[in-house]
Structures are given as C-alpha cells and as structure tokens.
Amino acid sequence: MGYPLWIRLEYRNGVGSVTGLTASVCSEADFLDILERCGVTRSNLLTVRINDKDYSVSRLDALFTKLQTEGRESP
C-alpha cells in the first residue's frame, strides 16, 4: 500500500462515546502517532477503513504490537 493514505477510525473515547477521525497519513509512523495521540487501543477501536476499504484484523494486530514494542501504548 503506497502513501499517502486516507484513514477513517471509529473508537470509544475515555468516557465511552464513539468518536470518529478522518485523516491523511504519509507514513506508518504518522498512523502510529495518531493512534497514540487519540488514545486508541486495540480494545476501544471499533472500525478502521483505509482508502475506503476495511483494514484487516491481522494488520491491526501488527500495528498495536508495534506500538507496545516501542513502549508507546500502555498495556
């Protein structure tokens, strides 16, 4: 998949409300930064669409594994 990508996330925020975000990312690092800044975790993430297509569960798991490995996401 080439960059830039349009991503659409829906996740539950800290008070349980569903929040949506649409953004353009130019690298995997940008995507990881967005997840971190928004407080998105694997457990509160509801949907991910990239370039208007569903993102596979295995790729999501790999992203969150990378966040944990880098110490960016709290367990």
PDB file of N, CA and C in Angstrom:
ATOM      1  N   MET A   1       0.851  -1.175   0.000  1.00  0.00           N
ATOM      2  CA  MET A   1       0.000   0.000   0.000  1.00  0.00           C
ATOM      3  C   MET A   1       0.895   1.236   0.000  1.00  0.00           C
ATOM      4  N   GLY A   2       0.688   2.120  -0.939  1.00  0.00           N
ATOM      5  CA  GLY A   2       1.504   3.324  -1.016  1.00  0.00           C
ATOM      6  C   GLY A   2       0.918   4.479  -0.225  1.00  0.00           C
ATOM      7  N   TYR A   3       1.762   5.366   0.184  1.00  0.00           N
ATOM      8  CA  TYR A   3       1.342   6.552   0.944  1.00  0.00           C
ATOM      9  C   TYR A   3       1.212   7.717  -0.008  1.00  0.00           C
ATOM     10  N   PRO A   4       0.455   8.723   0.243  1.00  0.00           N
ATOM     11  CA  PRO A   4      -0.375   8.945   1.433  1.00  0.00           C
ATOM     12  C   PRO A   4      -1.656   8.107   1.384  1.00  0.00           C
ATOM     13  N   LEU A   5      -2.200   7.857   2.592  1.00  0.00           N
ATOM     14  CA  LEU A   5      -3.421   7.089   2.756  1.00  0.00           C
ATOM     15  C   LEU A   5      -4.460   7.937   3.476  1.00  0.00           C
ATOM     16  N   TRP A   6      -5.711   7.701   3.161  1.00  0.00           N
ATOM     17  CA  TRP A   6      -6.796   8.296   3.931  1.00  0.00           C
ATOM     18  C   TRP A   6      -7.279   7.247   4.909  1.00  0.00           C
ATOM     19  N   ILE A   7      -7.292   7.599   6.193  1.00  0.00           N
ATOM     20  CA  ILE A   7      -7.764   6.657   7.196  1.00  0.00           C
ATOM     21  C   ILE A   7      -9.028   7.194   7.846  1.00  0.00           C
ATOM     22  N   ARG A   8      -9.886   6.285   8.218  1.00  0.00           N
ATOM     23  CA  ARG A   8     -11.112   6.611   8.952  1.00  0.00           C
ATOM     24  C   ARG A   8     -11.169   5.669  10.134  1.00  0.00           C
ATOM     25  N   LEU A   9     -11.152   6.223  11.343  1.00  0.00           N
ATOM     26  CA  LEU A   9     -11.208   5.438  12.576  1.00  0.00           C
ATOM     27  C   LEU A   9     -12.489   5.751  13.327  1.00  0.00           C
ATOM     28  N   GLU A  10     -13.050   4.766  13.970  1.00  0.00           N
ATOM     29  CA  GLU A  10     -14.099   4.979  14.962  1.00  0.00           C
ATOM     30  C   GLU A  10     -13.656   4.224  16.204  1.00  0.00           C
ATOM     31  N   TYR A  11     -13.712   4.898  17.341  1.00  0.00           N
ATOM     32  CA  TYR A  11     -13.265   4.290  18.587  1.00  0.00           C
ATOM     33  C   TYR A  11     -14.050   4.877  19.744  1.00  0.00           C
ATOM     34  N   ARG A  12     -14.031   4.198  20.882  1.00  0.00           N
ATOM     35  CA  ARG A  12     -14.673   4.712  22.098  1.00  0.00           C
ATOM     36  C   ARG A  12     -13.641   5.528  22.863  1.00  0.00           C
ATOM     37  N   ASN A  13     -14.028   6.761  23.188  1.00  0.00           N
ATOM     38  CA  ASN A  13     -13.100   7.617  23.937  1.00  0.00           C
ATOM     39  C   ASN A  13     -13.152   7.268  25.426  1.00  0.00           C
ATOM     40  N   GLY A  14     -12.466   8.034  26.243  1.00  0.00           N
ATOM     41  CA  GLY A  14     -12.363   7.764  27.668  1.00  0.00           C
ATOM     42  C   GLY A  14     -13.668   7.728  28.429  1.00  0.00           C
ATOM     43  N   VAL A  15     -14.702   8.394  27.927  1.00  0.00           N
ATOM     44  CA  VAL A  15     -16.000   8.387  28.606  1.00  0.00           C
ATOM     45  C   VAL A  15     -16.999   7.457  27.929  1.00  0.00           C
ATOM     46  N   GLY A  16     -16.535   6.698  26.932  1.00  0.00           N
ATOM     47  CA  GLY A  16     -17.380   5.704  26.293  1.00  0.00           C
ATOM     48  C   GLY A  16     -18.144   6.154  25.067  1.00  0.00           C
ATOM     49  N   SER A  17     -17.999   7.414  24.681  1.00  0.00           N
ATOM     50  CA  SER A  17     -18.668   7.902  23.472  1.00  0.00           C
ATOM     51  C   SER A  17     -17.900   7.449  22.236  1.00  0.00           C
ATOM     52  N   VAL A  18     -18.639   7.179  21.159  1.00  0.00           N
ATOM     53  CA  VAL A  18     -17.994   6.814  19.906  1.00  0.00           C
ATOM     54  C   VAL A  18     -17.466   8.075  19.242  1.00  0.00           C
ATOM     55  N   THR A  19     -16.192   8.059  18.891  1.00  0.00           N
ATOM     56  CA  THR A  19     -15.517   9.186  18.262  1.00  0.00           C
ATOM     57  C   THR A  19     -15.002   8.740  16.904  1.00  0.00           C
ATOM     58  N   GLY A  20     -15.106   9.629  15.934  1.00  0.00           N
ATOM     59  CA  GLY A  20     -14.603   9.328  14.601  1.00  0.00           C
ATOM     60  C   GLY A  20     -13.477  10.275  14.232  1.00  0.00           C
ATOM     61  N   LEU A  21     -12.599   9.800  13.387  1.00  0.00           N
ATOM     62  CA  LEU A  21     -11.476  10.607  12.926  1.00  0.00           C
ATOM     63  C   LEU A  21     -11.182  10.226  11.480  1.00  0.00           C
ATOM     64  N   THR A  22     -11.047  11.222  10.637  1.00  0.00           N
ATOM     65  CA  THR A  22     -10.597  11.008   9.264  1.00  0.00           C
ATOM     66  C   THR A  22      -9.330  11.822   9.082  1.00  0.00           C
ATOM     67  N   ALA A  23      -8.289  11.195   8.534  1.00  0.00           N
ATOM     68  CA  ALA A  23      -7.012  11.887   8.379  1.00  0.00           C
ATOM     69  C   ALA A  23      -6.243  11.299   7.200  1.00  0.00           C
ATOM     70  N   SER A  24      -5.315  12.084   6.710  1.00  0.00           N
ATOM     71  CA  SER A  24      -4.389  11.619   5.688  1.00  0.00           C
ATOM     72  C   SER A  24      -3.064  11.354   6.387  1.00  0.00           C
ATOM     73  N   VAL A  25      -2.479  10.188   6.130  1.00  0.00           N
ATOM     74  CA  VAL A  25      -1.187   9.863   6.723  1.00  0.00           C
ATOM     75  C   VAL A  25      -0.174   9.603   5.612  1.00  0.00           C
ATOM     76  N   CYS A  26       1.055  10.001   5.873  1.00  0.00           N
ATOM     77  CA  CYS A  26       2.113   9.871   4.867  1.00  0.00           C
ATOM     78  C   CYS A  26       3.113   8.774   5.194  1.00  0.00           C
ATOM     79  N   SER A  27       2.940   8.132   6.357  1.00  0.00           N
ATOM     80  CA  SER A  27       3.851   7.053   6.738  1.00  0.00           C
ATOM     81  C   SER A  27       3.211   6.236   7.858  1.00  0.00           C
ATOM     82  N   GLU A  28       3.776   5.056   8.106  1.00  0.00           N
ATOM     83  CA  GLU A  28       3.297   4.247   9.219  1.00  0.00           C
ATOM     84  C   GLU A  28       3.509   4.986  10.535  1.00  0.00           C
ATOM     85  N   ALA A  29       4.592   5.732  10.644  1.00  0.00           N
ATOM     86  CA  ALA A  29       4.867   6.497  11.863  1.00  0.00           C
ATOM     87  C   ALA A  29       3.750   7.508  12.127  1.00  0.00           C
ATOM     88  N   ASP A  30       3.241   8.154  11.067  1.00  0.00           N
ATOM     89  CA  ASP A  30       2.111   9.077  11.224  1.00  0.00           C
ATOM     90  C   ASP A  30       0.897   8.341  11.778  1.00  0.00           C
ATOM     91  N   PHE A  31       0.625   7.163  11.232  1.00  0.00           N
ATOM     92  CA  PHE A  31      -0.520   6.367  11.668  1.00  0.00           C
ATOM     93  C   PHE A  31      -0.366   6.007  13.148  1.00  0.00           C
ATOM     94  N   LEU A  32       0.817   5.555  13.546  1.00  0.00           N
ATOM     95  CA  LEU A  32       1.074   5.201  14.936  1.00  0.00           C
ATOM     96  C   LEU A  32       0.928   6.414  15.847  1.00  0.00           C
ATOM     97  N   ASP A  33       1.406   7.581  15.401  1.00  0.00           N
ATOM     98  CA  ASP A  33       1.272   8.805  16.196  1.00  0.00           C
ATOM     99  C   ASP A  33      -0.193   9.174  16.414  1.00  0.00           C
ATOM    100  N   ILE A  34      -1.012   9.025  15.383  1.00  0.00           N
ATOM    101  CA  ILE A  34      -2.440   9.330  15.513  1.00  0.00           C
ATOM    102  C   ILE A  34      -3.083   8.398  16.531  1.00  0.00           C
ATOM    103  N   LEU A  35      -2.782   7.109  16.436  1.00  0.00           N
ATOM    104  CA  LEU A  35      -3.347   6.158  17.397  1.00  0.00           C
ATOM    105  C   LEU A  35      -2.954   6.529  18.822  1.00  0.00           C
ATOM    106  N   GLU A  36      -1.690   6.869  18.993  1.00  0.00           N
ATOM    107  CA  GLU A  36      -1.187   7.222  20.323  1.00  0.00           C
ATOM    108  C   GLU A  36      -1.831   8.514  20.841  1.00  0.00           C
ATOM    109  N   ARG A  37      -1.839   9.556  20.032  1.00  0.00           N
ATOM    110  CA  ARG A  37      -2.382  10.854  20.469  1.00  0.00           C
ATOM    111  C   ARG A  37      -3.869  10.789  20.792  1.00  0.00           C
ATOM    112  N   CYS A  38      -4.613   9.975  20.056  1.00  0.00           N
ATOM    113  CA  CYS A  38      -6.053   9.861  20.277  1.00  0.00           C
ATOM    114  C   CYS A  38      -6.398   8.859  21.380  1.00  0.00           C
ATOM    115  N   GLY A  39      -5.393   8.161  21.886  1.00  0.00           N
ATOM    116  CA  GLY A  39      -5.638   7.177  22.939  1.00  0.00           C
ATOM    117  C   GLY A  39      -6.352   5.937  22.424  1.00  0.00           C
ATOM    118  N   VAL A  40      -6.133   5.627  21.154  1.00  0.00           N
ATOM    119  CA  VAL A  40      -6.783   4.459  20.559  1.00  0.00           C
ATOM    120  C   VAL A  40      -6.005   3.208  20.947  1.00  0.00           C
ATOM    121  N   THR A  41      -6.714   2.240  21.503  1.00  0.00           N
ATOM    122  CA  THR A  41      -6.135   0.949  21.838  1.00  0.00           C
ATOM    123  C   THR A  41      -6.874  -0.116  21.048  1.00  0.00           C
ATOM    124  N   ARG A  42      -6.331  -1.304  21.050  1.00  0.00           N
ATOM    125  CA  ARG A  42      -6.985  -2.398  20.308  1.00  0.00           C
ATOM    126  C   ARG A  42      -8.376  -2.655  20.887  1.00  0.00           C
ATOM    127  N   SER A  43      -8.537  -2.505  22.202  1.00  0.00           N
ATOM    128  CA  SER A  43      -9.819  -2.812  22.834  1.00  0.00           C
ATOM    129  C   SER A  43     -10.880  -1.730  22.621  1.00  0.00           C
ATOM    130  N   ASN A  44     -10.494  -0.469  22.387  1.00  0.00           N
ATOM    131  CA  ASN A  44     -11.513   0.564  22.192  1.00  0.00           C
ATOM    132  C   ASN A  44     -11.722   0.933  20.723  1.00  0.00           C
ATOM    133  N   LEU A  45     -10.979   0.297  19.833  1.00  0.00           N
ATOM    134  CA  LEU A  45     -11.099   0.554  18.401  1.00  0.00           C
ATOM    135  C   LEU A  45     -12.299  -0.208  17.847  1.00  0.00           C
ATOM    136  N   LEU A  46     -13.165   0.511  17.136  1.00  0.00           N
ATOM    137  CA  LEU A  46     -14.364  -0.112  16.578  1.00  0.00           C
ATOM    138  C   LEU A  46     -14.211  -0.440  15.098  1.00  0.00           C
ATOM    139  N   THR A  47     -13.791   0.540  14.293  1.00  0.00           N
ATOM    140  CA  THR A  47     -13.609   0.297  12.858  1.00  0.00           C
ATOM    141  C   THR A  47     -12.397   1.064  12.338  1.00  0.00           C
ATOM    142  N   VAL A  48     -11.795   0.499  11.302  1.00  0.00           N
ATOM    143  CA  VAL A  48     -10.701   1.155  10.595  1.00  0.00           C
ATOM    144  C   VAL A  48     -10.942   0.945   9.109  1.00  0.00           C
ATOM    145  N   ARG A  49     -10.923   2.030   8.365  1.00  0.00           N
ATOM    146  CA  ARG A  49     -11.013   1.965   6.908  1.00  0.00           C
ATOM    147  C   ARG A  49      -9.845   2.765   6.353  1.00  0.00           C
ATOM    148  N   ILE A  50      -9.182   2.195   5.374  1.00  0.00           N
ATOM    149  CA  ILE A  50      -8.066   2.872   4.727  1.00  0.00           C
ATOM    150  C   ILE A  50      -8.375   2.943   3.247  1.00  0.00           C
ATOM    151  N   ASN A  51      -8.332   4.178   2.724  1.00  0.00           N
ATOM    152  CA  ASN A  51      -8.708   4.419   1.328  1.00  0.00           C
ATOM    153  C   ASN A  51     -10.063   3.783   1.020  1.00  0.00           C
ATOM    154  N   ASP A  52     -10.988   3.933   1.979  1.00  0.00           N
ATOM    155  CA  ASP A  52     -12.369   3.464   1.871  1.00  0.00           C
ATOM    156  C   ASP A  52     -12.504   1.944   1.781  1.00  0.00           C
ATOM    157  N   LYS A  53     -11.513   1.213   2.331  1.00  0.00           N
ATOM    158  CA  LYS A  53     -11.577  -0.250   2.388  1.00  0.00           C
ATOM    159  C   LYS A  53     -11.296  -0.680   3.822  1.00  0.00           C
ATOM    160  N   ASP A  54     -11.945  -1.772   4.237  1.00  0.00           N
ATOM    161  CA  ASP A  54     -11.700  -2.295   5.576  1.00  0.00           C
ATOM    162  C   ASP A  54     -10.242  -2.707   5.723  1.00  0.00           C
ATOM    163  N   TYR A  55      -9.699  -2.501   6.911  1.00  0.00           N
ATOM    164  CA  TYR A  55      -8.317  -2.862   7.227  1.00  0.00           C
ATOM    165  C   TYR A  55      -8.346  -4.209   7.934  1.00  0.00           C
ATOM    166  N   SER A  56      -7.510  -5.127   7.550  1.00  0.00           N
ATOM    167  CA  SER A  56      -7.566  -6.486   8.091  1.00  0.00           C
ATOM    168  C   SER A  56      -7.185  -6.525   9.572  1.00  0.00           C
ATOM    169  N   VAL A  57      -7.782  -7.482  10.273  1.00  0.00           N
ATOM    170  CA  VAL A  57      -7.518  -7.661  11.700  1.00  0.00           C
ATOM    171  C   VAL A  57      -6.046  -7.998  11.931  1.00  0.00           C
ATOM    172  N   SER A  58      -5.467  -8.809  11.065  1.00  0.00           N
ATOM    173  CA  SER A  58      -4.062  -9.186  11.252  1.00  0.00           C
ATOM    174  C   SER A  58      -3.137  -7.974  11.131  1.00  0.00           C
ATOM    175  N   ARG A  59      -3.454  -7.058  10.216  1.00  0.00           N
ATOM    176  CA  ARG A  59      -2.626  -5.850  10.079  1.00  0.00           C
ATOM    177  C   ARG A  59      -2.803  -4.932  11.289  1.00  0.00           C
ATOM    178  N   LEU A  60      -4.039  -4.853  11.807  1.00  0.00           N
ATOM    179  CA  LEU A  60      -4.274  -4.060  13.012  1.00  0.00           C
ATOM    180  C   LEU A  60      -3.482  -4.627  14.189  1.00  0.00           C
ATOM    181  N   ASP A  61      -3.547  -5.936  14.339  1.00  0.00           N
ATOM    182  CA  ASP A  61      -2.805  -6.567  15.436  1.00  0.00           C
ATOM    183  C   ASP A  61      -1.319  -6.270  15.328  1.00  0.00           C
ATOM    184  N   ALA A  62      -0.785  -6.287  14.107  1.00  0.00           N
ATOM    185  CA  ALA A  62       0.636  -5.987  13.904  1.00  0.00           C
ATOM    186  C   ALA A  62       0.950  -4.541  14.300  1.00  0.00           C
ATOM    187  N   LEU A  63       0.048  -3.604  13.967  1.00  0.00           N
ATOM    188  CA  LEU A  63       0.260  -2.196  14.348  1.00  0.00           C
ATOM    189  C   LEU A  63       0.289  -2.032  15.860  1.00  0.00           C
ATOM    190  N   PHE A  64      -0.676  -2.647  16.552  1.00  0.00           N
ATOM    191  CA  PHE A  64      -0.725  -2.495  18.001  1.00  0.00           C
ATOM    192  C   PHE A  64       0.434  -3.225  18.680  1.00  0.00           C
ATOM    193  N   THR A  65       0.899  -4.308  18.107  1.00  0.00           N
ATOM    194  CA  THR A  65       2.093  -4.978  18.622  1.00  0.00           C
ATOM    195  C   THR A  65       3.291  -4.045  18.504  1.00  0.00           C
ATOM    196  N   LYS A  66       3.381  -3.345  17.378  1.00  0.00           N
ATOM    197  CA  LYS A  66       4.480  -2.400  17.172  1.00  0.00           C
ATOM    198  C   LYS A  66       4.408  -1.253  18.192  1.00  0.00           C
ATOM    199  N   LEU A  67       3.192  -0.743  18.461  1.00  0.00           N
ATOM    200  CA  LEU A  67       3.035   0.309  19.471  1.00  0.00           C
ATOM    201  C   LEU A  67       3.516  -0.168  20.834  1.00  0.00           C
ATOM    202  N   GLN A  68       3.144  -1.381  21.216  1.00  0.00           N
ATOM    203  CA  GLN A  68       3.554  -1.913  22.513  1.00  0.00           C
ATOM    204  C   GLN A  68       5.063  -2.133  22.559  1.00  0.00           C
ATOM    205  N   THR A  69       5.616  -2.645  21.477  1.00  0.00           N
ATOM    206  CA  THR A  69       7.053  -2.899  21.418  1.00  0.00           C
ATOM    207  C   THR A  69       7.850  -1.604  21.579  1.00  0.00           C
ATOM    208  N   GLU A  70       7.334  -0.540  20.984  1.00  0.00           N
ATOM    209  CA  GLU A  70       8.015   0.753  21.074  1.00  0.00           C
ATOM    210  C   GLU A  70       7.720   1.460  22.389  1.00  0.00           C
ATOM    211  N   GLY A  71       6.867   0.855  23.217  1.00  0.00           N
ATOM    212  CA  GLY A  71       6.536   1.454  24.508  1.00  0.00           C
ATOM    213  C   GLY A  71       5.628   2.654  24.394  1.00  0.00           C
ATOM    214  N   ARG A  72       4.898   2.770  23.300  1.00  0.00           N
ATOM    215  CA  ARG A  72       4.044   3.935  23.078  1.00  0.00           C
ATOM    216  C   ARG A  72       2.658   3.751  23.668  1.00  0.00           C
ATOM    217  N   GLU A  73       2.202   2.498  23.736  1.00  0.00           N
ATOM    218  CA  GLU A  73       0.839   2.242  24.206  1.00  0.00           C
ATOM    219  C   GLU A  73       0.926   1.601  25.581  1.00  0.00           C
ATOM    220  N   SER A  74       0.128   2.104  26.499  1.00  0.00           N
ATOM    221  CA  SER A  74       0.107   1.473  27.813  1.00  0.00           C
ATOM    222  C   SER A  74      -0.705   0.190  27.737  1.00  0.00           C
ATOM    223  N   PRO A  75      -0.281  -0.875  28.451  1.00  0.00           N
ATOM    224  CA  PRO A  75      -0.964  -2.171  28.373  1.00  0.00           C
ATOM    225  C   PRO A  75      -2.354  -2.140  28.922  1.00  0.00           C
TER     226      PRO A  75
END
